[in-house]
Amino acid sequence: MPPLQQAIQTSSALMPNDVGGERRFAFLLVDKFPMFSLAAAIDVCRSANRLLGHDFYSWITVSPDGDAVTASNGLPLKVDYAVADLPAVDILFVCVALNLEFPGKSKVLAALRSWGRRGQALGGLSVGAHLLAEAGQLDGYRCTIHWENRAGFMERFPDIECTGNVFEIDGKRYTCAGGTTSIDLMLEIVRGDFGANLTNSVANQFQHERIRSAGDRQRVGPERDLTGKSEKLRKIAELMADNLDEPYSALQLARMAGLSVRQVERLFLRHLGMTPGRYYMRLRLERARELLRQTNMPILDVAIATGFTSHSYFAQSYRLHFGRPPSEERRTTY
């Protein structure tokens, strides 16, 4: 037996006898689904099995009618079942395309509702949370979704708590933002089954330097520029991102960060090369673009939702930032 596998199986925290039975997952796929999100989730299970020395985790794939599907990168994939013929599994994960209108959608929504009525566990990778919400399967649950789609989700489902964290597990609902967060979500499931030692070993197989928790926030849009920057700067940026409809004043932000207005200005100029006001405007306009692309909200409502009290000022600011008016953005198909 390889030394790594032997070390894992002899660790008291990882004895397979501590976990009853085995785990089986299903992944519901439609055309143009994100291959990376699916592969990241499945490969965590595969790697865990390898290190355990037996197949504790297994998985199947399903589609609306059992027909093969094509991923967003153009690769075709045969599936095991039609959604109506889905056998018993521990968690059914939804992995769908950015375009949430697809052939067989009514069958999928009906299957998700039936699954939920039976008290079964459901999950969503990347945009999958949107389909779960449409099926009424996130009512009363906390969830997350990819940051690009969060604004539209929150507008469509205002009563559902969508945190914007990398993943969320709330009761029998498992959601993540897709991409590498699929790794973190599945690692959390492995940790719950076998403990930290196996989880860390699986993460090391993927050179996954830091296992993120459900409390880790997605770095959205301009926030990605803040990696490794001042903690105070990140805190202020998060306050801005969470308050776009009623923007804080410079003085309010400074006080909440325990700094002076001048200190805040120096932080932004030193690390980002722009004033706090310009950065805040950038966040608001990027949220406005998401709403224009993802919802049918009137342009004036989009302006109000992103902190603009004047339609003309919003249109002028939008054109200066993106080089096109809001009305033209709405006519563009992505």
Protein backbone atom coordinates (compact mmCIF):
# COMPACT_ATOMS: atom_id res chain seq x y z
CA MET A 1 0.00 0.00 0.00
CA PRO A 2 1.41 3.46 -0.92
CA PRO A 3 2.65 5.39 2.17
CA LEU A 4 0.17 8.26 1.66
CA GLN A 5 -2.82 5.94 1.42
CA GLN A 6 -1.61 3.92 4.42
CA ALA A 7 -1.23 7.09 6.50
CA ILE A 8 -4.74 8.17 5.60
CA GLN A 9 -6.38 4.85 6.37
CA THR A 10 -4.63 4.46 9.70
CA SER A 11 -5.57 7.95 10.90
CA SER A 12 -8.32 7.71 13.53
CA ALA A 13 -10.08 10.68 11.96
CA LEU A 14 -10.38 8.92 8.61
CA MET A 15 -11.44 5.37 9.32
CA PRO A 16 -14.11 4.46 6.73
CA ASN A 17 -15.99 2.53 9.44
CA ASP A 18 -16.83 5.91 11.00
CA VAL A 19 -19.06 6.67 8.01
CA GLY A 20 -22.12 4.59 7.26
CA GLY A 21 -22.58 3.26 3.73
CA GLU A 22 -21.36 5.10 0.65
CA ARG A 23 -22.14 8.37 -1.13
CA ARG A 24 -23.67 8.62 -4.61
CA PHE A 25 -24.11 11.93 -6.43
CA ALA A 26 -26.02 12.82 -9.59
CA PHE A 27 -25.19 15.75 -11.86
CA LEU A 28 -28.03 17.14 -13.96
CA LEU A 29 -26.62 18.66 -17.15
CA VAL A 30 -28.06 20.67 -20.04
CA ASP A 31 -26.41 21.88 -23.25
CA LYS A 32 -23.69 24.49 -22.70
CA PHE A 33 -23.16 23.49 -19.06
CA PRO A 34 -19.80 24.62 -17.58
CA MET A 35 -17.43 21.67 -17.90
CA PHE A 36 -14.93 23.03 -15.37
CA SER A 37 -17.53 23.21 -12.60
CA LEU A 38 -18.55 19.60 -13.25
CA ALA A 39 -15.00 18.25 -13.58
CA ALA A 40 -13.86 20.03 -10.42
CA ALA A 41 -16.68 18.48 -8.38
CA ILE A 42 -16.24 14.95 -9.74
CA ASP A 43 -12.46 14.94 -9.49
CA VAL A 44 -12.59 15.68 -5.76
CA CYS A 45 -14.60 12.47 -5.36
CA ARG A 46 -12.27 10.51 -7.61
CA SER A 47 -9.21 11.68 -5.71
CA ALA A 48 -10.82 10.91 -2.35
CA ASN A 49 -11.56 7.37 -3.54
CA ARG A 50 -7.97 6.92 -4.68
CA LEU A 51 -6.57 8.02 -1.33
CA LEU A 52 -9.08 5.92 0.60
CA GLY A 53 -8.25 2.85 -1.45
CA HIS A 54 -11.87 2.08 -2.35
CA ASP A 55 -14.82 3.72 -4.07
CA PHE A 56 -16.72 5.38 -1.25
CA TYR A 57 -17.98 8.09 -3.64
CA SER A 58 -19.73 7.40 -6.94
CA TRP A 59 -21.55 9.59 -9.43
CA ILE A 60 -23.91 9.49 -12.38
CA THR A 61 -24.95 12.05 -14.99
CA VAL A 62 -28.46 12.90 -16.17
CA SER A 63 -30.05 15.19 -18.74
CA PRO A 64 -33.65 16.25 -19.38
CA ASP A 65 -34.33 13.37 -21.82
CA GLY A 66 -31.29 11.16 -21.36
CA ASP A 67 -29.75 12.50 -24.57
CA ALA A 68 -26.08 13.44 -24.81
CA VAL A 69 -25.24 17.05 -23.97
CA THR A 70 -22.54 19.42 -25.15
CA ALA A 71 -20.50 21.44 -22.69
CA SER A 72 -19.85 25.15 -23.09
CA ASN A 73 -16.38 24.33 -24.45
CA GLY A 74 -17.91 22.20 -27.23
CA LEU A 75 -17.09 18.76 -25.80
CA PRO A 76 -19.95 16.23 -26.10
CA LEU A 77 -20.85 14.08 -23.11
CA LYS A 78 -23.04 10.99 -22.92
CA VAL A 79 -25.21 10.78 -19.82
CA ASP A 80 -26.44 7.83 -17.80
CA TYR A 81 -30.12 8.65 -17.28
CA ALA A 82 -33.02 10.88 -18.19
CA VAL A 83 -34.09 13.03 -15.26
CA ALA A 84 -37.41 11.16 -15.01
CA ASP A 85 -35.52 7.87 -14.54
CA LEU A 86 -33.09 9.15 -11.92
CA PRO A 87 -32.34 6.46 -9.32
CA ALA A 88 -31.78 7.15 -5.64
CA VAL A 89 -28.77 9.34 -4.91
CA ASP A 90 -27.54 11.31 -1.91
CA ILE A 91 -27.43 14.71 -3.63
CA LEU A 92 -28.70 15.82 -7.03
CA PHE A 93 -26.53 18.69 -8.32
CA VAL A 94 -27.79 21.02 -11.05
CA CYS A 95 -25.16 22.22 -13.52
CA VAL A 96 -26.72 24.39 -16.21
CA ALA A 97 -25.83 27.01 -18.78
CA LEU A 98 -25.96 30.78 -18.55
CA ASN A 99 -28.99 30.59 -20.83
CA LEU A 100 -31.61 29.22 -18.45
CA GLU A 101 -34.13 28.52 -21.19
CA PHE A 102 -33.50 25.10 -22.72
CA PRO A 103 -35.43 22.16 -24.22
CA GLY A 104 -36.93 19.97 -21.52
CA LYS A 105 -36.85 22.66 -18.84
CA SER A 106 -40.40 21.89 -17.69
CA LYS A 107 -39.39 18.26 -17.08
CA VAL A 108 -36.38 19.38 -15.07
CA LEU A 109 -38.38 21.78 -12.90
CA ALA A 110 -41.00 19.10 -12.26
CA ALA A 111 -38.30 16.61 -11.28
CA LEU A 112 -36.66 19.10 -8.91
CA ARG A 113 -40.00 19.86 -7.25
CA SER A 114 -40.71 16.16 -6.86
CA TRP A 115 -37.23 15.58 -5.45
CA GLY A 116 -37.71 18.40 -2.96
CA ARG A 117 -41.15 17.21 -1.86
CA ARG A 118 -39.59 13.88 -0.92
CA GLY A 119 -37.11 15.67 1.33
CA GLN A 120 -34.10 14.85 -0.84
CA ALA A 121 -30.89 16.88 -0.98
CA LEU A 122 -30.33 19.27 -3.89
CA GLY A 123 -27.31 21.23 -5.03
CA GLY A 124 -26.44 23.88 -7.58
CA LEU A 125 -23.07 24.52 -9.23
CA SER A 126 -22.45 28.03 -10.57
CA VAL A 127 -25.80 29.18 -12.04
CA GLY A 128 -27.55 26.00 -10.88
CA ALA A 129 -28.96 27.87 -7.88
CA HIS A 130 -31.15 29.90 -10.24
CA LEU A 131 -32.89 26.77 -11.51
CA LEU A 132 -33.35 25.48 -7.97
CA ALA A 133 -34.95 28.80 -7.05
CA GLU A 134 -37.25 28.66 -10.08
CA ALA A 135 -38.39 25.23 -8.90
CA GLY A 136 -39.13 26.66 -5.45
CA GLN A 137 -36.40 24.58 -3.85
CA LEU A 138 -34.47 27.40 -2.18
CA ASP A 139 -37.37 28.98 -0.33
CA GLY A 140 -36.25 29.37 3.28
CA TYR A 141 -32.69 28.34 2.47
CA ARG A 142 -29.45 30.31 2.25
CA CYS A 143 -27.61 29.97 -1.07
CA THR A 144 -24.95 31.45 -3.33
CA ILE A 145 -24.41 31.85 -7.05
CA HIS A 146 -21.65 33.08 -9.36
CA TRP A 147 -21.01 36.79 -8.73
CA GLU A 148 -21.90 37.76 -12.32
CA ASN A 149 -25.39 36.36 -11.84
CA ARG A 150 -26.05 37.44 -8.26
CA ALA A 151 -27.61 40.82 -9.10
CA GLY A 152 -30.15 39.26 -11.45
CA PHE A 153 -30.85 36.44 -9.00
CA MET A 154 -31.53 38.82 -6.13
CA GLU A 155 -33.84 40.90 -8.29
CA ARG A 156 -35.79 37.82 -9.43
CA PHE A 157 -35.88 36.14 -6.01
CA PRO A 158 -35.77 38.94 -3.41
CA ASP A 159 -36.97 36.69 -0.57
CA ILE A 160 -34.11 34.20 -0.93
CA GLU A 161 -30.90 34.94 0.98
CA CYS A 162 -28.11 34.85 -1.61
CA THR A 163 -24.88 35.53 0.27
CA GLY A 164 -22.27 35.89 -2.45
CA ASN A 165 -19.92 33.54 -0.55
CA VAL A 166 -17.91 30.88 -2.36
CA PHE A 167 -20.31 28.12 -1.28
CA GLU A 168 -23.20 27.56 1.07
CA ILE A 169 -24.54 24.45 2.79
CA ASP A 170 -27.89 25.01 4.48
CA GLY A 171 -29.67 21.86 5.57
CA LYS A 172 -30.12 19.74 2.45
CA ARG A 173 -29.20 22.50 0.01
CA TYR A 174 -25.67 22.75 -1.40
CA THR A 175 -24.74 25.66 -3.68
CA CYS A 176 -21.47 27.12 -4.94
CA ALA A 177 -20.27 29.80 -7.32
CA GLY A 178 -18.81 27.30 -9.78
CA GLY A 179 -15.25 27.09 -11.09
CA THR A 180 -12.78 26.32 -8.32
CA THR A 181 -15.48 26.81 -5.69
CA SER A 182 -16.84 23.43 -6.78
CA ILE A 183 -13.65 22.02 -5.31
CA ASP A 184 -14.24 23.80 -2.00
CA LEU A 185 -17.85 22.65 -1.76
CA MET A 186 -16.97 19.01 -2.40
CA LEU A 187 -14.00 19.21 -0.04
CA GLU A 188 -16.39 20.37 2.68
CA ILE A 189 -18.54 17.29 2.02
CA VAL A 190 -15.43 15.08 2.23
CA ARG A 191 -14.41 16.82 5.45
CA GLY A 192 -17.81 16.07 6.95
CA ASP A 193 -17.43 12.41 6.00
CA PHE A 194 -13.78 11.75 6.83
CA GLY A 195 -12.26 14.74 8.59
CA ALA A 196 -9.49 17.23 7.87
CA ASN A 197 -6.63 14.86 7.05
CA LEU A 198 -8.23 13.34 3.97
CA THR A 199 -9.61 16.73 2.93
CA ASN A 200 -6.15 18.31 3.04
CA SER A 201 -4.65 15.38 1.16
CA VAL A 202 -7.23 15.70 -1.63
CA ALA A 203 -6.64 19.46 -1.84
CA ASN A 204 -2.90 18.84 -2.13
CA GLN A 205 -3.51 16.55 -5.12
CA PHE A 206 -4.90 19.57 -6.99
CA GLN A 207 -2.31 22.07 -5.72
CA HIS A 208 -5.30 23.79 -4.10
CA GLU A 209 -3.32 26.06 -1.81
CA ARG A 210 -6.08 27.15 0.56
CA ILE A 211 -9.34 25.35 1.27
CA ARG A 212 -11.99 28.04 1.47
CA SER A 213 -14.86 27.85 3.93
CA ALA A 214 -18.49 28.84 3.45
CA GLY A 215 -17.61 32.15 5.11
CA ASP A 216 -15.17 33.11 2.36
CA ARG A 217 -16.50 35.79 0.07
CA GLN A 218 -16.29 35.65 -3.71
CA ARG A 219 -13.93 38.25 -5.12
CA VAL A 220 -16.22 39.95 -7.58
CA GLY A 221 -15.35 42.22 -10.48
CA PRO A 222 -12.94 44.91 -9.28
CA GLU A 223 -12.65 43.20 -5.89
CA ARG A 224 -10.31 40.69 -7.53
CA ASP A 225 -7.72 43.48 -7.61
CA LEU A 226 -7.61 43.40 -3.80
CA THR A 227 -5.97 40.01 -3.32
CA GLY A 228 -3.04 40.42 -0.93
CA LYS A 229 -3.88 44.06 -0.29
CA SER A 230 -4.52 45.85 3.03
CA GLU A 231 -7.20 44.29 5.25
CA LYS A 232 -8.65 47.77 5.85
CA LEU A 233 -8.89 48.33 2.11
CA ARG A 234 -10.69 45.01 1.59
CA LYS A 235 -13.13 45.83 4.40
CA ILE A 236 -14.02 49.18 2.84
CA ALA A 237 -14.43 47.60 -0.59
CA GLU A 238 -16.78 44.97 0.86
CA LEU A 239 -18.83 47.69 2.56
CA MET A 240 -19.11 49.44 -0.78
CA ALA A 241 -20.10 46.27 -2.64
CA ASP A 242 -22.80 45.48 -0.09
CA ASN A 243 -24.30 48.98 -0.26
CA LEU A 244 -24.69 49.99 -3.89
CA ASP A 245 -28.31 51.17 -3.80
CA GLU A 246 -27.68 53.64 -0.98
CA PRO A 247 -23.95 54.44 -1.18
CA TYR A 248 -22.11 55.37 2.00
CA SER A 249 -20.42 58.74 2.21
CA ALA A 250 -16.63 58.97 2.43
CA LEU A 251 -16.94 59.93 6.10
CA GLN A 252 -19.19 56.95 6.90
CA LEU A 253 -16.79 54.51 5.24
CA ALA A 254 -13.82 55.97 7.04
CA ARG A 255 -15.52 55.75 10.43
CA MET A 256 -16.60 52.13 9.89
CA ALA A 257 -13.01 51.24 8.98
CA GLY A 258 -11.58 53.14 11.96
CA LEU A 259 -9.65 55.54 9.71
CA SER A 260 -9.75 59.17 8.68
CA VAL A 261 -11.06 60.17 5.26
CA ARG A 262 -7.54 61.14 4.24
CA GLN A 263 -6.16 57.76 5.30
CA VAL A 264 -8.82 56.00 3.21
CA GLU A 265 -7.93 58.15 0.21
CA ARG A 266 -4.24 57.30 0.60
CA LEU A 267 -5.03 53.57 0.83
CA PHE A 268 -6.96 53.59 -2.46
CA LEU A 269 -4.43 55.75 -4.27
CA ARG A 270 -1.48 53.65 -3.09
CA HIS A 271 -2.99 50.22 -3.82
CA LEU A 272 -5.42 50.89 -6.67
CA GLY A 273 -4.31 54.15 -8.21
CA MET A 274 -7.75 55.73 -7.88
CA THR A 275 -9.86 57.60 -5.37
CA PRO A 276 -12.43 55.78 -3.20
CA GLY A 277 -15.21 57.65 -5.01
CA ARG A 278 -14.04 56.44 -8.40
CA TYR A 279 -13.76 52.87 -7.14
CA TYR A 280 -17.26 53.04 -5.66
CA MET A 281 -18.64 54.38 -8.93
CA ARG A 282 -16.95 51.53 -10.76
CA LEU A 283 -18.66 48.96 -8.52
CA ARG A 284 -22.06 50.61 -8.99
CA LEU A 285 -21.76 50.78 -12.76
CA GLU A 286 -20.64 47.17 -13.05
CA ARG A 287 -23.65 46.10 -10.98
CA ALA A 288 -25.85 48.21 -13.27
CA ARG A 289 -24.44 46.39 -16.30
CA GLU A 290 -25.22 43.02 -14.69
CA LEU A 291 -28.82 44.11 -14.07
CA LEU A 292 -29.21 45.39 -17.63
CA ARG A 293 -27.92 42.12 -19.05
CA GLN A 294 -29.70 39.73 -16.70
CA THR A 295 -33.08 41.33 -15.98
CA ASN A 296 -35.89 43.22 -17.67
CA MET A 297 -35.86 46.01 -15.11
CA PRO A 298 -36.60 49.45 -16.57
CA ILE A 299 -33.43 51.50 -16.94
CA LEU A 300 -34.64 54.01 -14.36
CA ASP A 301 -35.10 51.17 -11.84
CA VAL A 302 -31.58 49.93 -12.59
CA ALA A 303 -30.29 53.44 -11.93
CA ILE A 304 -32.11 53.62 -8.58
CA ALA A 305 -30.93 50.12 -7.61
CA THR A 306 -27.33 51.25 -8.05
CA GLY A 307 -27.58 54.52 -6.16
CA PHE A 308 -28.37 57.04 -8.92
CA THR A 309 -31.19 59.48 -8.29
CA SER A 310 -31.05 60.99 -11.78
CA HIS A 311 -31.62 59.04 -15.01
CA SER A 312 -29.53 61.52 -17.00
CA TYR A 313 -26.59 61.32 -14.57
CA PHE A 314 -26.75 57.52 -14.66
CA ALA A 315 -26.79 57.45 -18.47
CA GLN A 316 -23.89 59.93 -18.66
CA SER A 317 -21.81 58.00 -16.11
CA TYR A 318 -22.55 54.70 -17.83
CA ARG A 319 -21.50 56.01 -21.24
CA LEU A 320 -18.27 57.47 -19.86
CA HIS A 321 -17.35 54.18 -18.17
CA PHE A 322 -18.41 51.62 -20.80
CA GLY A 323 -18.41 53.68 -24.00
CA ARG A 324 -22.09 52.99 -24.72
CA PRO A 325 -25.43 54.12 -23.27
CA PRO A 326 -27.46 51.80 -21.03
CA SER A 327 -30.10 51.36 -23.74
CA GLU A 328 -27.52 49.93 -26.12
CA GLU A 329 -26.27 47.51 -23.45
CA ARG A 330 -29.79 46.14 -23.12
CA ARG A 331 -30.04 45.49 -26.87
CA THR A 332 -26.82 43.47 -26.83
CA THR A 333 -27.10 39.68 -26.54
CA TYR A 334 -24.47 37.84 -24.50
